[in-house]
Amino acid sequence: MDFLPEIEIPNMWEVLERYHHSGFHFLNIALAGDLTSVETTVRYISRQQNKIKDLGNKFIVVKKAEDIFKAKQQNKLALGFWFQRSTPLANDINLRKK
């Protein structure tokens, strides 16, 4: 699912809740793409993580596979983040978090 900063998605968080209520326990979300600069990527990820933290009773950010099982046990939706191509990292994979 694409939630790119260049595309306004009305009721984005309600869409995620509908997936959860439909029986999904994990959803991959593209947070940046070819048109997204490194600066925009960093700001956007930070905003989305803060929103998820505010909605902590509904969502879990996946950092490892066990987080998906944890979300299912807690009746939450696990969210994984990914990028479309490497432009959001200025085409430098070494910018990833270690």
C-alpha atoms as a PDB file:
ATOM      1  CA  MET A   1       0.000   0.000   0.000  1.00  0.00           C
ATOM      2  CA  ASP A   2       1.349   3.444  -0.899  1.00  0.00           C
ATOM      3  CA  PHE A   3       1.238   6.265   1.648  1.00  0.00           C
ATOM      4  CA  LEU A   4       3.717   8.528  -0.122  1.00  0.00           C
ATOM      5  CA  PRO A   5       4.189  12.127   1.041  1.00  0.00           C
ATOM      6  CA  GLU A   6       3.522  13.369  -2.507  1.00  0.00           C
ATOM      7  CA  ILE A   7       0.050  11.824  -2.559  1.00  0.00           C
ATOM      8  CA  GLU A   8      -2.664  13.015  -0.196  1.00  0.00           C
ATOM      9  CA  ILE A   9      -4.732  10.079   1.010  1.00  0.00           C
ATOM     10  CA  PRO A  10      -7.961  11.156   2.690  1.00  0.00           C
ATOM     11  CA  ASN A  11      -8.685   9.297   5.917  1.00  0.00           C
ATOM     12  CA  MET A  12      -5.416   7.362   5.684  1.00  0.00           C
ATOM     13  CA  TRP A  13      -5.603   6.014   9.235  1.00  0.00           C
ATOM     14  CA  GLU A  14      -9.225   4.965   8.847  1.00  0.00           C
ATOM     15  CA  VAL A  15      -8.202   2.940   5.775  1.00  0.00           C
ATOM     16  CA  LEU A  16      -5.669   1.067   7.914  1.00  0.00           C
ATOM     17  CA  GLU A  17      -8.305   0.393  10.558  1.00  0.00           C
ATOM     18  CA  ARG A  18     -10.608  -1.061   7.883  1.00  0.00           C
ATOM     19  CA  TYR A  19      -7.858  -3.491   6.869  1.00  0.00           C
ATOM     20  CA  HIS A  20      -7.488  -4.524  10.491  1.00  0.00           C
ATOM     21  CA  HIS A  21     -11.238  -5.000  10.968  1.00  0.00           C
ATOM     22  CA  SER A  22     -11.277  -7.102   7.788  1.00  0.00           C
ATOM     23  CA  GLY A  23      -8.929  -9.630   9.387  1.00  0.00           C
ATOM     24  CA  PHE A  24      -5.501  -8.366   8.320  1.00  0.00           C
ATOM     25  CA  HIS A  25      -2.721  -8.555  10.933  1.00  0.00           C
ATOM     26  CA  PHE A  26       0.128  -7.162   8.814  1.00  0.00           C
ATOM     27  CA  LEU A  27       0.343  -4.510   6.129  1.00  0.00           C
ATOM     28  CA  ASN A  28       3.384  -3.207   4.216  1.00  0.00           C
ATOM     29  CA  ILE A  29       3.307   0.522   3.551  1.00  0.00           C
ATOM     30  CA  ALA A  30       5.462   2.389   1.034  1.00  0.00           C
ATOM     31  CA  LEU A  31       6.451   5.655   2.733  1.00  0.00           C
ATOM     32  CA  ALA A  32       8.657   7.086  -0.001  1.00  0.00           C
ATOM     33  CA  GLY A  33       9.239   6.735  -3.715  1.00  0.00           C
ATOM     34  CA  ASP A  34      11.118   8.061  -6.725  1.00  0.00           C
ATOM     35  CA  LEU A  35       9.981  11.652  -6.158  1.00  0.00           C
ATOM     36  CA  THR A  36      10.771  11.724  -2.434  1.00  0.00           C
ATOM     37  CA  SER A  37      13.952  13.476  -1.290  1.00  0.00           C
ATOM     38  CA  VAL A  38      16.003  12.262   1.669  1.00  0.00           C
ATOM     39  CA  GLU A  39      14.881  15.255   3.743  1.00  0.00           C
ATOM     40  CA  THR A  40      11.206  14.684   2.993  1.00  0.00           C
ATOM     41  CA  THR A  41      11.613  10.956   3.671  1.00  0.00           C
ATOM     42  CA  VAL A  42      13.104  11.524   7.114  1.00  0.00           C
ATOM     43  CA  ARG A  43      10.437  14.071   8.105  1.00  0.00           C
ATOM     44  CA  TYR A  44       7.600  11.930   6.769  1.00  0.00           C
ATOM     45  CA  ILE A  45       8.759   8.753   8.516  1.00  0.00           C
ATOM     46  CA  SER A  46       9.096  10.684  11.763  1.00  0.00           C
ATOM     47  CA  ARG A  47       5.532  12.059  11.446  1.00  0.00           C
ATOM     48  CA  GLN A  48       4.121   8.619  10.669  1.00  0.00           C
ATOM     49  CA  GLN A  49       5.962   6.990  13.579  1.00  0.00           C
ATOM     50  CA  ASN A  50       4.652   9.685  15.943  1.00  0.00           C
ATOM     51  CA  LYS A  51       1.120   9.098  14.683  1.00  0.00           C
ATOM     52  CA  ILE A  52       1.509   5.343  15.208  1.00  0.00           C
ATOM     53  CA  LYS A  53       2.819   5.997  18.705  1.00  0.00           C
ATOM     54  CA  ASP A  54      -0.293   8.131  19.386  1.00  0.00           C
ATOM     55  CA  LEU A  55      -2.429   5.237  18.106  1.00  0.00           C
ATOM     56  CA  GLY A  56      -0.405   2.612  19.973  1.00  0.00           C
ATOM     57  CA  ASN A  57      -3.545   0.766  20.983  1.00  0.00           C
ATOM     58  CA  LYS A  58      -4.197  -0.036  17.284  1.00  0.00           C
ATOM     59  CA  PHE A  59      -0.847  -0.419  15.493  1.00  0.00           C
ATOM     60  CA  ILE A  60       2.678  -1.817  15.913  1.00  0.00           C
ATOM     61  CA  VAL A  61       5.670  -0.878  13.749  1.00  0.00           C
ATOM     62  CA  VAL A  62       7.404  -4.062  12.589  1.00  0.00           C
ATOM     63  CA  LYS A  63      11.104  -4.167  13.370  1.00  0.00           C
ATOM     64  CA  LYS A  64      11.398  -7.956  13.410  1.00  0.00           C
ATOM     65  CA  ALA A  65       9.146 -10.868  12.400  1.00  0.00           C
ATOM     66  CA  GLU A  66       8.081 -11.489  16.000  1.00  0.00           C
ATOM     67  CA  ASP A  67       6.357  -8.090  15.995  1.00  0.00           C
ATOM     68  CA  ILE A  68       3.772  -9.447  13.546  1.00  0.00           C
ATOM     69  CA  PHE A  69       2.920 -12.305  15.918  1.00  0.00           C
ATOM     70  CA  LYS A  70       2.837  -9.854  18.825  1.00  0.00           C
ATOM     71  CA  ALA A  71       0.379  -7.624  16.940  1.00  0.00           C
ATOM     72  CA  LYS A  72      -1.900 -10.572  16.233  1.00  0.00           C
ATOM     73  CA  GLN A  73      -1.859 -11.639  19.898  1.00  0.00           C
ATOM     74  CA  GLN A  74      -2.660  -8.060  20.973  1.00  0.00           C
ATOM     75  CA  ASN A  75      -5.330  -7.622  18.271  1.00  0.00           C
ATOM     76  CA  LYS A  76      -3.377  -4.833  16.570  1.00  0.00           C
ATOM     77  CA  LEU A  77      -2.317  -4.219  12.982  1.00  0.00           C
ATOM     78  CA  ALA A  78       1.417  -4.639  12.344  1.00  0.00           C
ATOM     79  CA  LEU A  79       2.841  -2.075   9.911  1.00  0.00           C
ATOM     80  CA  GLY A  80       5.998  -2.589   7.874  1.00  0.00           C
ATOM     81  CA  PHE A  81       7.633   0.300   6.027  1.00  0.00           C
ATOM     82  CA  TRP A  82       9.397   0.165   2.676  1.00  0.00           C
ATOM     83  CA  PHE A  83      10.530   2.484  -0.133  1.00  0.00           C
ATOM     84  CA  GLN A  84       9.902   2.361  -3.844  1.00  0.00           C
ATOM     85  CA  ARG A  85      13.455   2.284  -5.247  1.00  0.00           C
ATOM     86  CA  SER A  86      16.414   3.883  -3.471  1.00  0.00           C
ATOM     87  CA  THR A  87      15.805   7.563  -4.292  1.00  0.00           C
ATOM     88  CA  PRO A  88      14.561   8.278  -0.726  1.00  0.00           C
ATOM     89  CA  LEU A  89      18.045   7.237   0.444  1.00  0.00           C
ATOM     90  CA  ALA A  90      19.758   9.365  -2.228  1.00  0.00           C
ATOM     91  CA  ASN A  91      20.557   6.049  -3.960  1.00  0.00           C
ATOM     92  CA  ASP A  92      22.930   5.231  -1.100  1.00  0.00           C
ATOM     93  CA  ILE A  93      21.939   2.063   0.765  1.00  0.00           C
ATOM     94  CA  ASN A  94      24.478   2.973   3.458  1.00  0.00           C
ATOM     95  CA  LEU A  95      22.081   5.672   4.732  1.00  0.00           C
ATOM     96  CA  ARG A  96      19.813   3.014   6.181  1.00  0.00           C
ATOM     97  CA  LYS A  97      19.483   2.681   9.946  1.00  0.00           C
ATOM     98  CA  LYS A  98      21.933   0.200  11.410  1.00  0.00           C
END
